[in-house]
Amino acid sequence: MAGRYGNVDGSRPIAQIEPIPKRKEGQNMNLSIASYSFHGLLEEGKMDVFGYLESLKYRYGVHAADLWSGMLASLDEAYLKKVREAMEEKDMILVNLAVDFADAWHSEPDIRERYYKNALAHLRAAEILGAKSVRIDLGSREFVMDDTQFEVVVKRFKEYAEIGNDRGFKVGTENHFGPARVPENIINVANAVNHPNFGLLLHFGSWAVDAENGDKQVAKLVMHTHVDKETTESRLDECIQIMKDIDYKGHWGVEHHSGRHEYAEVAWQLATVRRGLTYADFR
C-alpha cells in the first residue's frame, strides 16, 4: 500500500524511482592510460599487455587502452586477436596505437625501407586491434626538415591516412622529438597531406620553439592527447581550456615516464587529470 510519502514499509514506489542515466561516450571521463607509463614494470618482467589491460579496468577504472608498440609481444595475427578479445571482454576500446621504429623518414634508405614495412605491419595490427588512431613518428632528431625529408614524410602519411580511411582509424604523428616539436612543421605536413584521416597525437607542451603557443596552434589537428607529469603538475587547467575551446571530443591519455613507482605515479596523475576535467565540466 502506498501513502503520501511512499509505501507503508518506508520504501518508495518502484514507479517513482528514476534510473541512473548511463554516462555517454564523450562526457567528462574520456580517459586513457598510455601503456608506456609501465615500461619499467615491463622491463622487469612484471607486466605484459594482458596485465596492463587488467590494471586499466580493475586498478584504475579506465575503459580505453592506449597501447605502445613496445608492449606488444608479437604482430602475429593470432596473438593480436587475443589482445583484441581481452579488450572486448572488459568492454574496452583502443584509442591509440603508438608505433616505434616505423618513422616516415630516415637518412639511410635501407633503414627507411625497414621502417616503412614496419609501419605497414602495425597499420594492419591496428585494424585487427580495432584502434581509433595510430601514431607514427616523422623521423630524424633535427628540428629542421629539408625538402627531401618533407616530400617523403608527406608521401608516407598520404598513404597511411588513406589506409586509415579504409580501415577505420586516423593516422598521424606526435610532437615528442625532432621536427615534430616545431608547430610550423606539423601544420605544413598536415596541409600538404590534406586528408581528414591525418591527425596529431598532442603531447602537451613538448615544443622546441614557441612553447607558450604551440598547443593552441595545432589543437584543431588533434586526434589524441598525452598528458605527462609536468603538464599535470603545472598547466593542466590551461590545456583543458585549450581543448575545450575547440570542442575536443577525444580522450585524455595519462602518460608517465620515470619508470619508477609506476602504479602510484599513474594513480596520482590519473586522479589529478580526472579532477581537472570534472571541475572544468569538460564534455
Protein backbone atom coordinates (compact mmCIF):
# COMPACT_ATOMS: atom_id res chain seq x y z
CA MET A 1 0.00 0.00 0.00
CA ALA A 2 1.36 3.40 -0.97
CA GLY A 3 0.89 6.57 1.06
CA ARG A 4 1.83 10.19 0.54
CA TYR A 5 5.49 9.58 1.32
CA GLY A 6 5.83 6.06 -0.12
CA ASN A 7 4.92 2.52 0.81
CA VAL A 8 3.93 1.65 4.35
CA ASP A 9 7.29 -0.06 4.83
CA GLY A 10 9.05 3.22 4.14
CA SER A 11 10.27 2.43 0.62
CA ARG A 12 9.39 4.49 -2.41
CA PRO A 13 7.03 3.03 -5.03
CA ILE A 14 9.11 1.50 -7.81
CA ALA A 15 7.40 3.71 -10.39
CA GLN A 16 8.82 6.82 -8.67
CA ILE A 17 12.46 5.68 -8.73
CA GLU A 18 14.18 7.06 -11.80
CA PRO A 19 17.02 5.02 -13.32
CA ILE A 20 20.52 6.46 -13.10
CA PRO A 21 21.43 7.68 -16.60
CA LYS A 22 24.32 5.84 -18.21
CA ARG A 23 27.32 8.05 -19.00
CA LYS A 24 27.66 8.59 -22.71
CA GLU A 25 30.96 8.47 -24.58
CA GLY A 26 32.38 11.98 -24.67
CA GLN A 27 31.13 13.14 -21.27
CA ASN A 28 33.77 14.19 -18.73
CA MET A 29 35.67 10.95 -18.23
CA ASN A 30 37.20 10.15 -21.61
CA LEU A 31 40.42 8.91 -20.02
CA SER A 32 43.10 6.50 -21.14
CA ILE A 33 46.48 5.48 -19.75
CA ALA A 34 49.40 5.07 -22.13
CA SER A 35 50.93 1.62 -21.71
CA TYR A 36 54.37 3.27 -21.90
CA SER A 37 53.59 4.52 -18.39
CA PHE A 38 54.51 0.99 -17.23
CA HIS A 39 57.68 0.48 -19.28
CA GLY A 40 59.67 -0.02 -16.09
CA LEU A 41 57.44 -2.89 -14.98
CA LEU A 42 57.57 -4.30 -18.50
CA GLU A 43 61.39 -4.28 -18.48
CA GLU A 44 61.40 -6.02 -15.09
CA GLY A 45 59.10 -8.75 -16.43
CA LYS A 46 56.34 -7.72 -14.00
CA MET A 47 53.77 -6.67 -16.61
CA ASP A 48 52.65 -7.64 -20.09
CA VAL A 49 49.85 -6.34 -22.29
CA PHE A 50 47.26 -8.51 -20.57
CA GLY A 51 48.34 -7.33 -17.13
CA TYR A 52 48.17 -3.78 -18.43
CA LEU A 53 44.55 -4.28 -19.53
CA GLU A 54 43.67 -5.83 -16.18
CA SER A 55 45.23 -2.86 -14.40
CA LEU A 56 43.29 -0.39 -16.53
CA LYS A 57 39.94 -1.87 -15.64
CA TYR A 58 40.33 -3.17 -12.12
CA ARG A 59 43.02 -0.93 -10.60
CA TYR A 60 42.20 2.37 -12.34
CA GLY A 61 38.62 2.09 -13.60
CA VAL A 62 39.63 3.15 -17.13
CA HIS A 63 37.94 1.71 -20.20
CA ALA A 64 40.18 2.97 -23.00
CA ALA A 65 43.50 1.33 -23.82
CA ASP A 66 46.37 3.40 -25.23
CA LEU A 67 48.96 0.93 -26.49
CA TRP A 68 52.65 1.49 -27.12
CA SER A 69 54.06 -0.95 -29.67
CA GLY A 70 56.83 -1.93 -27.25
CA MET A 71 54.25 -3.72 -25.11
CA LEU A 72 53.10 -5.98 -27.94
CA ALA A 73 55.00 -9.26 -27.82
CA SER A 74 54.22 -10.06 -31.46
CA LEU A 75 52.44 -8.87 -34.59
CA ASP A 76 51.20 -12.38 -35.25
CA GLU A 77 47.50 -12.26 -36.07
CA ALA A 78 46.54 -14.97 -33.57
CA TYR A 79 48.27 -13.07 -30.75
CA LEU A 80 46.72 -9.74 -31.76
CA LYS A 81 43.27 -11.33 -31.78
CA LYS A 82 43.84 -12.50 -28.21
CA VAL A 83 44.67 -8.92 -27.22
CA ARG A 84 41.53 -7.72 -29.00
CA GLU A 85 39.46 -10.36 -27.22
CA ALA A 86 40.93 -9.29 -23.87
CA MET A 87 39.82 -5.72 -24.54
CA GLU A 88 36.36 -6.75 -25.66
CA GLU A 89 35.88 -8.93 -22.58
CA LYS A 90 36.47 -5.80 -20.50
CA ASP A 91 34.28 -3.57 -22.68
CA MET A 92 37.34 -1.55 -23.72
CA ILE A 93 38.28 0.39 -26.82
CA LEU A 94 41.77 1.08 -28.16
CA VAL A 95 42.06 4.83 -28.62
CA ASN A 96 45.63 4.84 -29.94
CA LEU A 97 48.45 2.56 -31.05
CA ALA A 98 51.78 4.40 -30.72
CA VAL A 99 54.34 2.80 -33.04
CA ASP A 100 58.12 2.98 -32.61
CA PHE A 101 60.73 2.12 -35.28
CA ALA A 102 58.33 2.98 -38.08
CA ASP A 103 59.42 6.59 -38.70
CA ALA A 104 58.36 8.09 -42.00
CA TRP A 105 61.90 9.38 -42.57
CA HIS A 106 65.43 8.13 -42.00
CA SER A 107 68.53 9.38 -43.76
CA GLU A 108 69.64 5.79 -44.53
CA PRO A 109 67.47 4.36 -47.36
CA ASP A 110 67.73 0.77 -46.09
CA ILE A 111 66.54 1.75 -42.63
CA ARG A 112 63.84 3.95 -44.12
CA GLU A 113 62.52 0.98 -46.10
CA ARG A 114 62.59 -1.23 -43.00
CA TYR A 115 60.65 1.40 -41.07
CA TYR A 116 58.13 1.64 -43.90
CA LYS A 117 57.47 -2.11 -43.79
CA ASN A 118 57.15 -1.94 -40.01
CA ALA A 119 54.64 0.89 -40.33
CA LEU A 120 52.51 -1.14 -42.75
CA ALA A 121 52.64 -4.14 -40.42
CA HIS A 122 51.47 -2.02 -37.50
CA LEU A 123 48.69 -0.45 -39.54
CA ARG A 124 47.47 -3.99 -40.15
CA ALA A 125 47.80 -4.67 -36.42
CA ALA A 126 45.77 -1.51 -35.70
CA GLU A 127 42.98 -2.87 -37.86
CA ILE A 128 42.95 -6.21 -36.02
CA LEU A 129 43.05 -4.47 -32.64
CA GLY A 130 40.29 -2.02 -33.57
CA ALA A 131 42.39 1.08 -32.93
CA LYS A 132 40.83 4.53 -33.32
CA SER A 133 44.16 6.18 -34.16
CA VAL A 134 47.80 5.30 -34.88
CA ARG A 135 50.92 7.34 -34.10
CA ILE A 136 53.92 7.11 -36.45
CA ASP A 137 56.85 9.48 -35.98
CA LEU A 138 58.11 11.90 -38.62
CA GLY A 139 61.69 10.72 -38.08
CA SER A 140 65.04 12.49 -37.56
CA ARG A 141 66.17 14.28 -34.41
CA GLU A 142 66.79 17.61 -36.14
CA PHE A 143 64.22 20.36 -35.79
CA VAL A 144 64.53 21.45 -39.43
CA MET A 145 63.10 19.41 -42.32
CA ASP A 146 64.76 19.71 -45.72
CA ASP A 147 62.79 19.40 -48.95
CA THR A 148 63.62 15.72 -49.47
CA GLN A 149 62.56 14.74 -45.98
CA PHE A 150 59.38 16.77 -46.23
CA GLU A 151 58.41 15.13 -49.55
CA VAL A 152 58.98 11.62 -48.21
CA VAL A 153 57.09 12.33 -44.99
CA VAL A 154 54.11 13.78 -46.86
CA LYS A 155 54.08 10.86 -49.31
CA ARG A 156 54.09 8.33 -46.48
CA PHE A 157 51.35 9.99 -44.47
CA LYS A 158 49.13 10.41 -47.50
CA GLU A 159 49.37 6.65 -47.95
CA TYR A 160 48.86 5.93 -44.25
CA ALA A 161 45.88 8.27 -44.00
CA GLU A 162 44.24 6.55 -46.93
CA ILE A 163 44.85 3.16 -45.30
CA GLY A 164 43.31 4.53 -42.13
CA ASN A 165 40.32 5.77 -44.06
CA ASP A 166 39.77 2.28 -45.46
CA ARG A 167 40.25 0.56 -42.09
CA GLY A 168 38.51 2.93 -39.72
CA PHE A 169 41.21 4.90 -37.90
CA LYS A 170 43.22 8.12 -38.08
CA VAL A 171 46.99 8.16 -38.58
CA GLY A 172 49.35 10.92 -37.54
CA THR A 173 52.49 11.88 -35.70
CA GLU A 174 53.36 13.04 -32.17
CA ASN A 175 55.28 16.15 -31.14
CA HIS A 176 57.78 14.45 -28.85
CA PHE A 177 61.06 14.67 -30.75
CA GLY A 178 62.78 16.10 -33.81
CA PRO A 179 60.92 18.18 -36.40
CA ALA A 180 57.54 17.33 -34.84
CA ARG A 181 58.44 19.62 -31.92
CA VAL A 182 58.09 22.65 -34.20
CA PRO A 183 54.41 23.64 -34.62
CA GLU A 184 55.02 25.03 -38.11
CA ASN A 185 56.33 21.65 -39.29
CA ILE A 186 53.21 19.87 -38.03
CA ILE A 187 50.94 22.39 -39.74
CA ASN A 188 52.88 22.27 -43.01
CA VAL A 189 52.77 18.47 -43.11
CA ALA A 190 49.04 18.44 -42.31
CA ASN A 191 48.32 20.97 -45.05
CA ALA A 192 50.35 19.00 -47.59
CA VAL A 193 48.83 15.64 -46.64
CA ASN A 194 45.40 17.28 -46.79
CA HIS A 195 43.44 14.25 -45.64
CA PRO A 196 40.70 14.04 -42.97
CA ASN A 197 42.29 10.87 -41.55
CA PHE A 198 45.57 12.62 -40.74
CA GLY A 199 45.87 13.87 -37.17
CA LEU A 200 48.19 14.68 -34.30
CA LEU A 201 48.84 12.93 -31.02
CA LEU A 202 49.38 16.07 -28.95
CA HIS A 203 51.99 15.68 -26.24
CA PHE A 204 51.09 18.83 -24.34
CA GLY A 205 53.90 21.36 -24.07
CA SER A 206 56.55 19.33 -25.91
CA TRP A 207 57.73 22.11 -28.21
CA ALA A 208 61.25 23.18 -29.15
CA VAL A 209 60.01 26.60 -30.32
CA ASP A 210 57.01 28.76 -29.40
CA ALA A 211 56.32 26.63 -26.34
CA GLU A 212 53.72 29.07 -24.99
CA ASN A 213 51.50 28.88 -28.08
CA GLY A 214 52.34 25.53 -29.67
CA ASP A 215 49.39 23.62 -28.23
CA LYS A 216 46.93 26.27 -29.40
CA GLN A 217 48.38 26.35 -32.92
CA VAL A 218 47.84 22.66 -33.55
CA ALA A 219 44.77 21.99 -31.39
CA LYS A 220 42.37 21.55 -34.30
CA LEU A 221 44.54 18.74 -35.70
CA VAL A 222 44.47 16.67 -32.50
CA MET A 223 43.27 13.05 -32.70
CA HIS A 224 44.52 12.03 -29.24
CA THR A 225 46.46 13.52 -26.31
CA HIS A 226 49.21 12.60 -23.87
CA VAL A 227 49.38 14.38 -20.53
CA ASP A 228 52.75 13.92 -18.81
CA LYS A 229 53.67 14.57 -15.19
CA GLU A 230 54.97 18.10 -15.80
CA THR A 231 51.77 19.14 -17.54
CA THR A 232 49.69 17.53 -14.80
CA GLU A 233 51.56 19.49 -12.14
CA SER A 234 51.97 22.87 -13.84
CA ARG A 235 49.41 23.69 -16.54
CA LEU A 236 46.62 21.14 -16.66
CA ASP A 237 43.83 23.74 -16.40
CA GLU A 238 45.31 25.72 -19.29
CA CYS A 239 45.50 22.62 -21.50
CA ILE A 240 41.94 21.63 -20.68
CA GLN A 241 40.74 25.09 -21.65
CA ILE A 242 42.63 24.97 -24.97
CA MET A 243 40.88 21.73 -25.91
CA LYS A 244 37.53 22.87 -24.55
CA ASP A 245 37.72 25.93 -26.80
CA ILE A 246 37.94 23.75 -29.91
CA ASP A 247 35.29 21.29 -28.66
CA TYR A 248 37.67 18.34 -28.46
CA LYS A 249 35.78 15.05 -28.19
CA GLY A 250 38.68 12.61 -27.90
CA HIS A 251 40.45 11.02 -24.94
CA TRP A 252 42.90 12.37 -22.40
CA GLY A 253 45.83 10.00 -22.24
CA VAL A 254 47.76 9.94 -18.98
CA GLU A 255 51.41 9.12 -19.67
CA HIS A 256 54.15 8.64 -17.07
CA HIS A 257 57.84 8.41 -17.97
CA SER A 258 60.04 7.86 -14.92
CA GLY A 259 59.99 4.04 -14.86
CA ARG A 260 59.75 4.15 -11.05
CA HIS A 261 56.82 3.63 -8.67
CA GLU A 262 54.61 3.46 -11.75
CA TYR A 263 51.42 2.16 -10.14
CA ALA A 264 51.41 5.02 -7.62
CA GLU A 265 52.59 7.71 -10.03
CA VAL A 266 49.95 6.80 -12.61
CA ALA A 267 47.25 6.72 -9.93
CA TRP A 268 48.15 10.26 -8.86
CA GLN A 269 48.31 11.60 -12.43
CA LEU A 270 45.04 9.94 -13.38
CA ALA A 271 43.22 11.29 -10.32
CA THR A 272 44.54 14.79 -10.96
CA VAL A 273 43.51 14.79 -14.63
CA ARG A 274 40.12 13.31 -13.74
CA ARG A 275 39.62 16.03 -11.13
CA GLY A 276 40.62 18.76 -13.59
CA LEU A 277 38.19 17.55 -16.22
CA THR A 278 35.42 17.28 -13.63
CA TYR A 279 35.85 20.83 -12.35
CA ALA A 280 36.07 22.14 -15.92
CA ASP A 281 32.84 20.26 -16.75
CA PHE A 282 34.63 19.06 -19.88
CA ARG A 283 32.26 17.47 -22.37
